[in-house]
Amino acid sequence: MDIVISGIKEKRNAEGEKNGWSSTSFETYDSWAGRNNIEFIAIEKQKAREFLLDHFYGIASDNAVKKLEKLLL
């Protein structure tokens, strides 16, 4: 079972100012994916890795992409 962080909410006082600790919401991946209409796709690990790296090459720094490459090994 995979768990995802599905939301973060800041606590606010009566005046709307940030006050106290933020709360974090967790749920199962299956529940989160279903609520967000994310379809399951069967894809080989190498193809998924290539897709993610291609995506992030265009929007992330070189340093961030290098870190992602290490994580995806």
Protein backbone atom coordinates (compact mmCIF):
# COMPACT_ATOMS: atom_id res chain seq x y z
CA MET A 1 0.00 0.00 0.00
CA ASP A 2 1.40 3.39 -1.04
CA ILE A 3 0.65 6.48 1.05
CA VAL A 4 0.66 10.02 -0.38
CA ILE A 5 0.47 13.49 1.14
CA SER A 6 -2.85 14.70 -0.17
CA GLY A 7 -2.97 18.15 1.37
CA ILE A 8 -1.51 20.72 3.71
CA LYS A 9 -3.53 23.35 5.50
CA GLU A 10 -2.20 26.30 7.48
CA LYS A 11 -3.90 27.14 10.75
CA ARG A 12 -5.38 30.64 10.84
CA ASN A 13 -6.74 32.70 13.70
CA ALA A 14 -9.99 34.72 13.65
CA GLU A 15 -8.18 37.59 11.88
CA GLY A 16 -6.96 35.27 9.12
CA GLU A 17 -3.33 35.37 10.23
CA LYS A 18 -1.19 32.24 10.24
CA ASN A 19 -1.28 30.86 13.75
CA GLY A 20 0.25 27.57 14.93
CA TRP A 21 1.35 24.42 13.15
CA SER A 22 0.13 23.45 9.72
CA SER A 23 -1.67 20.14 9.41
CA THR A 24 -0.89 17.49 6.81
CA SER A 25 -3.40 15.08 5.30
CA PHE A 26 -2.42 11.56 4.19
CA GLU A 27 -4.32 8.91 2.25
CA THR A 28 -3.69 5.82 0.18
CA TYR A 29 -2.51 6.29 -3.38
CA ASP A 30 -5.50 4.35 -4.72
CA SER A 31 -7.94 6.69 -2.95
CA TRP A 32 -6.05 9.82 -4.03
CA ALA A 33 -5.70 8.67 -7.66
CA GLY A 34 -9.40 7.81 -7.84
CA ARG A 35 -10.48 11.21 -6.50
CA ASN A 36 -8.18 12.97 -8.96
CA ASN A 37 -9.15 10.86 -12.00
CA ILE A 38 -5.61 9.53 -12.47
CA GLU A 39 -5.63 6.44 -14.63
CA PHE A 40 -3.33 3.48 -14.05
CA ILE A 41 -1.03 2.84 -16.98
CA ALA A 42 1.17 -0.19 -17.49
CA ILE A 43 4.60 1.03 -18.56
CA GLU A 44 8.09 -0.37 -18.35
CA LYS A 45 10.27 1.17 -15.65
CA GLN A 46 12.86 2.43 -18.16
CA LYS A 47 10.17 4.15 -20.28
CA ALA A 48 8.72 5.81 -17.18
CA ARG A 49 12.20 6.97 -16.15
CA GLU A 50 12.82 8.47 -19.61
CA PHE A 51 9.42 10.21 -19.57
CA LEU A 52 10.08 11.82 -16.18
CA LEU A 53 13.58 12.94 -17.08
CA ASP A 54 12.42 14.40 -20.42
CA HIS A 55 9.68 16.29 -18.60
CA PHE A 56 11.94 17.75 -15.91
CA TYR A 57 14.80 18.65 -18.28
CA GLY A 58 12.58 21.45 -19.57
CA ILE A 59 11.47 22.90 -16.25
CA ALA A 60 14.07 22.08 -13.57
CA SER A 61 17.66 23.12 -12.97
CA ASP A 62 20.50 20.89 -14.13
CA ASN A 63 21.35 20.16 -10.50
CA ALA A 64 17.77 19.08 -9.74
CA VAL A 65 17.68 16.79 -12.78
CA LYS A 66 20.98 15.18 -11.76
CA LYS A 67 19.53 14.44 -8.31
CA LEU A 68 16.40 13.00 -9.91
CA GLU A 69 18.52 10.77 -12.16
CA LYS A 70 20.20 9.32 -9.07
CA LEU A 71 16.84 8.70 -7.39
CA LEU A 72 15.45 6.92 -10.43
CA LEU A 73 18.33 4.43 -10.79
